[in-house]
Amino acid sequence: MSERFFLYDEKENSDTRFISFMGENQRFDLAIVKTSRYYGKQLVLDIQSGRFAIIGPDDLNEEGYLEHAYNMNEEDAEELKEFLKGITG
């Protein structure tokens, strides 16, 4: 077996916020990780689906981004977008 080639292997302090709220059609269970990585964006994990995305304010303005990242319909994505706009700005 050949030796591993690491691109990076670093430890970093992060701040994680766990949030759960009810939307019109579904419950959202999220973990939002703030770190110095990702150019000021946050790592947003949907705990129920196991999907995650790196999200900043610019991503929230990109049409279809949340629908694709979290495999959700437009209505649910709009609820998530409105919530995330309040915490990623």
PDB file of N, CA and C in Angstrom:
ATOM      1  N   MET A   1       0.837  -1.177   0.000  1.00  0.00           N
ATOM      2  CA  MET A   1       0.000   0.000   0.000  1.00  0.00           C
ATOM      3  C   MET A   1       0.884   1.243   0.000  1.00  0.00           C
ATOM      4  N   SER A   2       0.534   2.216  -0.826  1.00  0.00           N
ATOM      5  CA  SER A   2       1.357   3.416  -0.919  1.00  0.00           C
ATOM      6  C   SER A   2       1.052   4.389   0.221  1.00  0.00           C
ATOM      7  N   GLU A   3       1.976   5.297   0.453  1.00  0.00           N
ATOM      8  CA  GLU A   3       1.825   6.282   1.514  1.00  0.00           C
ATOM      9  C   GLU A   3       0.760   7.314   1.128  1.00  0.00           C
ATOM     10  N   ARG A   4      -0.009   7.754   2.112  1.00  0.00           N
ATOM     11  CA  ARG A   4      -1.054   8.754   1.847  1.00  0.00           C
ATOM     12  C   ARG A   4      -0.435  10.104   1.519  1.00  0.00           C
ATOM     13  N   PHE A   5      -1.088  10.820   0.617  1.00  0.00           N
ATOM     14  CA  PHE A   5      -0.683  12.172   0.269  1.00  0.00           C
ATOM     15  C   PHE A   5      -1.764  13.124   0.777  1.00  0.00           C
ATOM     16  N   PHE A   6      -1.480  13.835   1.850  1.00  0.00           N
ATOM     17  CA  PHE A   6      -2.454  14.749   2.449  1.00  0.00           C
ATOM     18  C   PHE A   6      -2.367  16.115   1.785  1.00  0.00           C
ATOM     19  N   LEU A   7      -3.507  16.676   1.442  1.00  0.00           N
ATOM     20  CA  LEU A   7      -3.542  18.054   0.970  1.00  0.00           C
ATOM     21  C   LEU A   7      -3.473  19.013   2.148  1.00  0.00           C
ATOM     22  N   TYR A   8      -4.137  18.662   3.230  1.00  0.00           N
ATOM     23  CA  TYR A   8      -3.985  19.354   4.496  1.00  0.00           C
ATOM     24  C   TYR A   8      -4.543  18.488   5.605  1.00  0.00           C
ATOM     25  N   ASP A   9      -4.077  18.721   6.808  1.00  0.00           N
ATOM     26  CA  ASP A   9      -4.529  18.008   7.997  1.00  0.00           C
ATOM     27  C   ASP A   9      -4.366  18.980   9.156  1.00  0.00           C
ATOM     28  N   GLU A  10      -5.416  19.761   9.410  1.00  0.00           N
ATOM     29  CA  GLU A  10      -5.343  20.823  10.395  1.00  0.00           C
ATOM     30  C   GLU A  10      -6.496  20.726  11.375  1.00  0.00           C
ATOM     31  N   LYS A  11      -6.274  21.221  12.571  1.00  0.00           N
ATOM     32  CA  LYS A  11      -7.339  21.350  13.558  1.00  0.00           C
ATOM     33  C   LYS A  11      -7.659  22.826  13.699  1.00  0.00           C
ATOM     34  N   GLU A  12      -8.933  23.079  13.980  1.00  0.00           N
ATOM     35  CA  GLU A  12      -9.369  24.460  14.093  1.00  0.00           C
ATOM     36  C   GLU A  12     -10.548  24.546  15.049  1.00  0.00           C
ATOM     37  N   ASN A  13     -10.605  25.609  15.810  1.00  0.00           N
ATOM     38  CA  ASN A  13     -11.775  25.846  16.653  1.00  0.00           C
ATOM     39  C   ASN A  13     -12.919  26.316  15.776  1.00  0.00           C
ATOM     40  N   SER A  14     -14.114  25.864  16.092  1.00  0.00           N
ATOM     41  CA  SER A  14     -15.294  26.293  15.350  1.00  0.00           C
ATOM     42  C   SER A  14     -16.433  26.533  16.327  1.00  0.00           C
ATOM     43  N   ASP A  15     -17.445  27.206  15.839  1.00  0.00           N
ATOM     44  CA  ASP A  15     -18.637  27.489  16.633  1.00  0.00           C
ATOM     45  C   ASP A  15     -19.804  26.802  15.941  1.00  0.00           C
ATOM     46  N   THR A  16     -20.488  25.907  16.629  1.00  0.00           N
ATOM     47  CA  THR A  16     -21.603  25.164  16.043  1.00  0.00           C
ATOM     48  C   THR A  16     -22.895  25.543  16.739  1.00  0.00           C
ATOM     49  N   ARG A  17     -23.902  25.846  15.925  1.00  0.00           N
ATOM     50  CA  ARG A  17     -25.230  26.200  16.440  1.00  0.00           C
ATOM     51  C   ARG A  17     -26.215  25.147  15.938  1.00  0.00           C
ATOM     52  N   PHE A  18     -26.976  24.558  16.843  1.00  0.00           N
ATOM     53  CA  PHE A  18     -27.989  23.574  16.489  1.00  0.00           C
ATOM     54  C   PHE A  18     -29.350  24.262  16.561  1.00  0.00           C
ATOM     55  N   ILE A  19     -30.112  24.176  15.483  1.00  0.00           N
ATOM     56  CA  ILE A  19     -31.400  24.861  15.389  1.00  0.00           C
ATOM     57  C   ILE A  19     -32.438  23.899  14.838  1.00  0.00           C
ATOM     58  N   SER A  20     -33.618  23.921  15.430  1.00  0.00           N
ATOM     59  CA  SER A  20     -34.738  23.130  14.933  1.00  0.00           C
ATOM     60  C   SER A  20     -35.956  24.043  14.880  1.00  0.00           C
ATOM     61  N   PHE A  21     -36.644  24.058  13.738  1.00  0.00           N
ATOM     62  CA  PHE A  21     -37.868  24.853  13.634  1.00  0.00           C
ATOM     63  C   PHE A  21     -38.821  24.191  12.652  1.00  0.00           C
ATOM     64  N   MET A  22     -40.098  24.521  12.814  1.00  0.00           N
ATOM     65  CA  MET A  22     -41.136  23.982  11.941  1.00  0.00           C
ATOM     66  C   MET A  22     -41.422  24.977  10.831  1.00  0.00           C
ATOM     67  N   GLY A  23     -41.418  24.466   9.608  1.00  0.00           N
ATOM     68  CA  GLY A  23     -41.850  25.252   8.468  1.00  0.00           C
ATOM     69  C   GLY A  23     -43.298  24.907   8.172  1.00  0.00           C
ATOM     70  N   GLU A  24     -43.817  25.399   7.061  1.00  0.00           N
ATOM     71  CA  GLU A  24     -45.199  25.090   6.673  1.00  0.00           C
ATOM     72  C   GLU A  24     -45.384  23.600   6.410  1.00  0.00           C
ATOM     73  N   ASN A  25     -44.398  22.978   5.745  1.00  0.00           N
ATOM     74  CA  ASN A  25     -44.536  21.592   5.309  1.00  0.00           C
ATOM     75  C   ASN A  25     -43.618  20.603   6.002  1.00  0.00           C
ATOM     76  N   GLN A  26     -42.573  21.086   6.634  1.00  0.00           N
ATOM     77  CA  GLN A  26     -41.599  20.162   7.219  1.00  0.00           C
ATOM     78  C   GLN A  26     -40.880  20.794   8.392  1.00  0.00           C
ATOM     79  N   ARG A  27     -40.223  19.933   9.132  1.00  0.00           N
ATOM     80  CA  ARG A  27     -39.387  20.351  10.250  1.00  0.00           C
ATOM     81  C   ARG A  27     -37.956  20.481   9.725  1.00  0.00           C
ATOM     82  N   PHE A  28     -37.265  21.509  10.175  1.00  0.00           N
ATOM     83  CA  PHE A  28     -35.867  21.719   9.816  1.00  0.00           C
ATOM     84  C   PHE A  28     -35.015  21.485  11.054  1.00  0.00           C
ATOM     85  N   ASP A  29     -34.062  20.580  10.962  1.00  0.00           N
ATOM     86  CA  ASP A  29     -33.085  20.324  12.025  1.00  0.00           C
ATOM     87  C   ASP A  29     -31.722  20.607  11.416  1.00  0.00           C
ATOM     88  N   LEU A  30     -31.093  21.682  11.866  1.00  0.00           N
ATOM     89  CA  LEU A  30     -29.860  22.142  11.249  1.00  0.00           C
ATOM     90  C   LEU A  30     -28.717  22.231  12.254  1.00  0.00           C
ATOM     91  N   ALA A  31     -27.521  22.036  11.757  1.00  0.00           N
ATOM     92  CA  ALA A  31     -26.301  22.349  12.493  1.00  0.00           C
ATOM     93  C   ALA A  31     -25.554  23.351  11.620  1.00  0.00           C
ATOM     94  N   ILE A  32     -25.242  24.493  12.180  1.00  0.00           N
ATOM     95  CA  ILE A  32     -24.572  25.546  11.423  1.00  0.00           C
ATOM     96  C   ILE A  32     -23.199  25.757  12.037  1.00  0.00           C
ATOM     97  N   VAL A  33     -22.176  25.505  11.241  1.00  0.00           N
ATOM     98  CA  VAL A  33     -20.798  25.552  11.726  1.00  0.00           C
ATOM     99  C   VAL A  33     -20.110  26.798  11.176  1.00  0.00           C
ATOM    100  N   LYS A  34     -19.642  27.643  12.100  1.00  0.00           N
ATOM    101  CA  LYS A  34     -18.873  28.832  11.731  1.00  0.00           C
ATOM    102  C   LYS A  34     -17.403  28.522  11.977  1.00  0.00           C
ATOM    103  N   THR A  35     -16.599  28.841  11.001  1.00  0.00           N
ATOM    104  CA  THR A  35     -15.175  28.583  11.072  1.00  0.00           C
ATOM    105  C   THR A  35     -14.452  29.658  10.271  1.00  0.00           C
ATOM    106  N   SER A  36     -13.150  29.719  10.347  1.00  0.00           N
ATOM    107  CA  SER A  36     -12.404  30.708   9.550  1.00  0.00           C
ATOM    108  C   SER A  36     -12.177  30.219   8.120  1.00  0.00           C
ATOM    109  N   ARG A  37     -12.550  28.994   7.843  1.00  0.00           N
ATOM    110  CA  ARG A  37     -12.448  28.459   6.482  1.00  0.00           C
ATOM    111  C   ARG A  37     -13.636  28.927   5.640  1.00  0.00           C
ATOM    112  N   TYR A  38     -13.605  28.627   4.412  1.00  0.00           N
ATOM    113  CA  TYR A  38     -14.728  28.846   3.485  1.00  0.00           C
ATOM    114  C   TYR A  38     -15.026  30.318   3.246  1.00  0.00           C
ATOM    115  N   TYR A  39     -14.020  31.175   3.391  1.00  0.00           N
ATOM    116  CA  TYR A  39     -14.137  32.580   3.001  1.00  0.00           C
ATOM    117  C   TYR A  39     -15.330  33.278   3.659  1.00  0.00           C
ATOM    118  N   GLY A  40     -15.568  33.002   4.928  1.00  0.00           N
ATOM    119  CA  GLY A  40     -16.634  33.644   5.676  1.00  0.00           C
ATOM    120  C   GLY A  40     -17.993  32.983   5.532  1.00  0.00           C
ATOM    121  N   LYS A  41     -18.075  31.943   4.722  1.00  0.00           N
ATOM    122  CA  LYS A  41     -19.344  31.227   4.577  1.00  0.00           C
ATOM    123  C   LYS A  41     -19.478  30.224   5.718  1.00  0.00           C
ATOM    124  N   GLN A  42     -20.686  29.685   5.868  1.00  0.00           N
ATOM    125  CA  GLN A  42     -20.941  28.735   6.939  1.00  0.00           C
ATOM    126  C   GLN A  42     -21.286  27.368   6.373  1.00  0.00           C
ATOM    127  N   LEU A  43     -20.927  26.342   7.096  1.00  0.00           N
ATOM    128  CA  LEU A  43     -21.270  24.974   6.730  1.00  0.00           C
ATOM    129  C   LEU A  43     -22.630  24.676   7.352  1.00  0.00           C
ATOM    130  N   VAL A  44     -23.650  24.449   6.530  1.00  0.00           N
ATOM    131  CA  VAL A  44     -25.012  24.232   7.011  1.00  0.00           C
ATOM    132  C   VAL A  44     -25.393  22.782   6.752  1.00  0.00           C
ATOM    133  N   LEU A  45     -25.577  22.024   7.830  1.00  0.00           N
ATOM    134  CA  LEU A  45     -25.918  20.605   7.739  1.00  0.00           C
ATOM    135  C   LEU A  45     -27.396  20.406   8.038  1.00  0.00           C
ATOM    136  N   ASP A  46     -28.089  19.712   7.148  1.00  0.00           N
ATOM    137  CA  ASP A  46     -29.469  19.296   7.392  1.00  0.00           C
ATOM    138  C   ASP A  46     -29.367  17.916   8.027  1.00  0.00           C
ATOM    139  N   ILE A  47     -29.600  17.839   9.304  1.00  0.00           N
ATOM    140  CA  ILE A  47     -29.370  16.614  10.064  1.00  0.00           C
ATOM    141  C   ILE A  47     -30.299  15.487   9.614  1.00  0.00           C
ATOM    142  N   GLN A  48     -31.542  15.811   9.268  1.00  0.00           N
ATOM    143  CA  GLN A  48     -32.491  14.774   8.869  1.00  0.00           C
ATOM    144  C   GLN A  48     -32.117  14.116   7.543  1.00  0.00           C
ATOM    145  N   SER A  49     -31.687  14.915   6.572  1.00  0.00           N
ATOM    146  CA  SER A  49     -31.382  14.341   5.255  1.00  0.00           C
ATOM    147  C   SER A  49     -29.925  13.920   5.116  1.00  0.00           C
ATOM    148  N   GLY A  50     -29.067  14.427   5.992  1.00  0.00           N
ATOM    149  CA  GLY A  50     -27.647  14.127   5.879  1.00  0.00           C
ATOM    150  C   GLY A  50     -26.961  14.951   4.790  1.00  0.00           C
ATOM    151  N   ARG A  51     -27.647  15.948   4.263  1.00  0.00           N
ATOM    152  CA  ARG A  51     -27.070  16.799   3.227  1.00  0.00           C
ATOM    153  C   ARG A  51     -26.480  18.045   3.869  1.00  0.00           C
ATOM    154  N   PHE A  52     -25.483  18.629   3.212  1.00  0.00           N
ATOM    155  CA  PHE A  52     -24.870  19.845   3.722  1.00  0.00           C
ATOM    156  C   PHE A  52     -24.393  20.701   2.562  1.00  0.00           C
ATOM    157  N   ALA A  53     -24.178  21.980   2.853  1.00  0.00           N
ATOM    158  CA  ALA A  53     -23.658  22.906   1.849  1.00  0.00           C
ATOM    159  C   ALA A  53     -22.889  24.010   2.571  1.00  0.00           C
ATOM    160  N   ILE A  54     -21.968  24.603   1.852  1.00  0.00           N
ATOM    161  CA  ILE A  54     -21.244  25.770   2.334  1.00  0.00           C
ATOM    162  C   ILE A  54     -21.997  26.975   1.792  1.00  0.00           C
ATOM    163  N   ILE A  55     -22.537  27.795   2.698  1.00  0.00           N
ATOM    164  CA  ILE A  55     -23.478  28.833   2.285  1.00  0.00           C
ATOM    165  C   ILE A  55     -23.075  30.198   2.824  1.00  0.00           C
ATOM    166  N   GLY A  56     -23.121  31.163   1.937  1.00  0.00           N
ATOM    167  CA  GLY A  56     -22.960  32.570   2.280  1.00  0.00           C
ATOM    168  C   GLY A  56     -24.095  33.357   1.658  1.00  0.00           C
ATOM    169  N   PRO A  57     -24.150  34.649   1.919  1.00  0.00           N
ATOM    170  CA  PRO A  57     -25.230  35.468   1.369  1.00  0.00           C
ATOM    171  C   PRO A  57     -25.346  35.384  -0.159  1.00  0.00           C
ATOM    172  N   ASP A  58     -24.226  35.279  -0.851  1.00  0.00           N
ATOM    173  CA  ASP A  58     -24.270  35.198  -2.316  1.00  0.00           C
ATOM    174  C   ASP A  58     -24.939  33.909  -2.787  1.00  0.00           C
ATOM    175  N   ASP A  59     -24.759  32.826  -2.065  1.00  0.00           N
ATOM    176  CA  ASP A  59     -25.374  31.547  -2.434  1.00  0.00           C
ATOM    177  C   ASP A  59     -26.885  31.597  -2.273  1.00  0.00           C
ATOM    178  N   LEU A  60     -27.349  32.330  -1.283  1.00  0.00           N
ATOM    179  CA  LEU A  60     -28.786  32.431  -1.047  1.00  0.00           C
ATOM    180  C   LEU A  60     -29.491  33.175  -2.174  1.00  0.00           C
ATOM    181  N   ASN A  61     -28.753  34.002  -2.890  1.00  0.00           N
ATOM    182  CA  ASN A  61     -29.330  34.731  -4.022  1.00  0.00           C
ATOM    183  C   ASN A  61     -29.256  33.952  -5.329  1.00  0.00           C
ATOM    184  N   GLU A  62     -28.566  32.826  -5.316  1.00  0.00           N
ATOM    185  CA  GLU A  62     -28.429  32.014  -6.524  1.00  0.00           C
ATOM    186  C   GLU A  62     -29.667  31.133  -6.690  1.00  0.00           C
ATOM    187  N   GLU A  63     -30.367  31.321  -7.785  1.00  0.00           N
ATOM    188  CA  GLU A  63     -31.613  30.595  -8.030  1.00  0.00           C
ATOM    189  C   GLU A  63     -31.382  29.081  -8.071  1.00  0.00           C
ATOM    190  N   GLY A  64     -32.172  28.363  -7.310  1.00  0.00           N
ATOM    191  CA  GLY A  64     -32.128  26.905  -7.308  1.00  0.00           C
ATOM    192  C   GLY A  64     -31.025  26.290  -6.467  1.00  0.00           C
ATOM    193  N   TYR A  65     -30.203  27.113  -5.819  1.00  0.00           N
ATOM    194  CA  TYR A  65     -29.069  26.581  -5.056  1.00  0.00           C
ATOM    195  C   TYR A  65     -29.514  25.678  -3.908  1.00  0.00           C
ATOM    196  N   LEU A  66     -30.428  26.170  -3.085  1.00  0.00           N
ATOM    197  CA  LEU A  66     -30.877  25.370  -1.937  1.00  0.00           C
ATOM    198  C   LEU A  66     -31.693  24.157  -2.378  1.00  0.00           C
ATOM    199  N   GLU A  67     -32.503  24.322  -3.418  1.00  0.00           N
ATOM    200  CA  GLU A  67     -33.292  23.199  -3.919  1.00  0.00           C
ATOM    201  C   GLU A  67     -32.372  22.050  -4.323  1.00  0.00           C
ATOM    202  N   HIS A  68     -31.290  22.393  -5.011  1.00  0.00           N
ATOM    203  CA  HIS A  68     -30.345  21.366  -5.458  1.00  0.00           C
ATOM    204  C   HIS A  68     -29.530  20.803  -4.285  1.00  0.00           C
ATOM    205  N   ALA A  69     -28.992  21.681  -3.457  1.00  0.00           N
ATOM    206  CA  ALA A  69     -28.108  21.242  -2.370  1.00  0.00           C
ATOM    207  C   ALA A  69     -28.823  20.339  -1.375  1.00  0.00           C
ATOM    208  N   TYR A  70     -30.087  20.658  -1.088  1.00  0.00           N
ATOM    209  CA  TYR A  70     -30.814  19.910  -0.062  1.00  0.00           C
ATOM    210  C   TYR A  70     -31.938  19.044  -0.627  1.00  0.00           C
ATOM    211  N   ASN A  71     -32.025  18.966  -1.943  1.00  0.00           N
ATOM    212  CA  ASN A  71     -33.034  18.132  -2.612  1.00  0.00           C
ATOM    213  C   ASN A  71     -34.436  18.417  -2.062  1.00  0.00           C
ATOM    214  N   MET A  72     -34.828  19.692  -2.144  1.00  0.00           N
ATOM    215  CA  MET A  72     -36.140  20.077  -1.615  1.00  0.00           C
ATOM    216  C   MET A  72     -36.901  20.894  -2.646  1.00  0.00           C
ATOM    217  N   ASN A  73     -38.195  21.002  -2.425  1.00  0.00           N
ATOM    218  CA  ASN A  73     -39.015  21.767  -3.355  1.00  0.00           C
ATOM    219  C   ASN A  73     -38.813  23.264  -3.132  1.00  0.00           C
ATOM    220  N   GLU A  74     -39.345  24.052  -4.051  1.00  0.00           N
ATOM    221  CA  GLU A  74     -39.130  25.499  -4.040  1.00  0.00           C
ATOM    222  C   GLU A  74     -39.718  26.166  -2.791  1.00  0.00           C
ATOM    223  N   GLU A  75     -40.871  25.709  -2.357  1.00  0.00           N
ATOM    224  CA  GLU A  75     -41.522  26.300  -1.184  1.00  0.00           C
ATOM    225  C   GLU A  75     -40.702  26.080   0.090  1.00  0.00           C
ATOM    226  N   ASP A  76     -40.225  24.855   0.297  1.00  0.00           N
ATOM    227  CA  ASP A  76     -39.407  24.564   1.479  1.00  0.00           C
ATOM    228  C   ASP A  76     -38.069  25.293   1.398  1.00  0.00           C
ATOM    229  N   ALA A  77     -37.499  25.363   0.209  1.00  0.00           N
ATOM    230  CA  ALA A  77     -36.225  26.063   0.029  1.00  0.00           C
ATOM    231  C   ALA A  77     -36.378  27.550   0.337  1.00  0.00           C
ATOM    232  N   GLU A  78     -37.522  28.122  -0.008  1.00  0.00           N
ATOM    233  CA  GLU A  78     -37.766  29.544   0.280  1.00  0.00           C
ATOM    234  C   GLU A  78     -37.830  29.782   1.795  1.00  0.00           C
ATOM    235  N   GLU A  79     -38.456  28.877   2.536  1.00  0.00           N
ATOM    236  CA  GLU A  79     -38.491  28.999   3.999  1.00  0.00           C
ATOM    237  C   GLU A  79     -37.084  28.913   4.583  1.00  0.00           C
ATOM    238  N   LEU A  80     -36.314  27.966   4.103  1.00  0.00           N
ATOM    239  CA  LEU A  80     -34.940  27.818   4.583  1.00  0.00           C
ATOM    240  C   LEU A  80     -34.121  29.052   4.227  1.00  0.00           C
ATOM    241  N   LYS A  81     -34.295  29.551   3.016  1.00  0.00           N
ATOM    242  CA  LYS A  81     -33.560  30.741   2.575  1.00  0.00           C
ATOM    243  C   LYS A  81     -33.867  31.935   3.473  1.00  0.00           C
ATOM    244  N   GLU A  82     -35.134  32.166   3.773  1.00  0.00           N
ATOM    245  CA  GLU A  82     -35.500  33.296   4.627  1.00  0.00           C
ATOM    246  C   GLU A  82     -34.892  33.162   6.018  1.00  0.00           C
ATOM    247  N   PHE A  83     -34.850  31.953   6.549  1.00  0.00           N
ATOM    248  CA  PHE A  83     -34.223  31.725   7.841  1.00  0.00           C
ATOM    249  C   PHE A  83     -32.721  31.997   7.762  1.00  0.00           C
ATOM    250  N   LEU A  84     -32.071  31.428   6.758  1.00  0.00           N
ATOM    251  CA  LEU A  84     -30.614  31.568   6.648  1.00  0.00           C
ATOM    252  C   LEU A  84     -30.185  33.001   6.365  1.00  0.00           C
ATOM    253  N   LYS A  85     -31.006  33.778   5.668  1.00  0.00           N
ATOM    254  CA  LYS A  85     -30.670  35.181   5.425  1.00  0.00           C
ATOM    255  C   LYS A  85     -30.487  35.933   6.744  1.00  0.00           C
ATOM    256  N   GLY A  86     -31.239  35.534   7.754  1.00  0.00           N
ATOM    257  CA  GLY A  86     -31.138  36.196   9.046  1.00  0.00           C
ATOM    258  C   GLY A  86     -29.896  35.849   9.841  1.00  0.00           C
ATOM    259  N   ILE A  87     -29.238  34.755   9.489  1.00  0.00           N
ATOM    260  CA  ILE A  87     -28.068  34.347  10.294  1.00  0.00           C
ATOM    261  C   ILE A  87     -26.759  34.327   9.526  1.00  0.00           C
ATOM    262  N   THR A  88     -26.784  34.442   8.190  1.00  0.00           N
ATOM    263  CA  THR A  88     -25.538  34.383   7.429  1.00  0.00           C
ATOM    264  C   THR A  88     -25.052  35.758   7.002  1.00  0.00           C
ATOM    265  N   GLY A  89     -25.865  36.769   7.165  1.00  0.00           N
ATOM    266  CA  GLY A  89     -25.526  38.110   6.688  1.00  0.00           C
ATOM    267  C   GLY A  89     -24.510  38.820   7.499  1.00  0.00           C
TER     268      GLY A  89
END
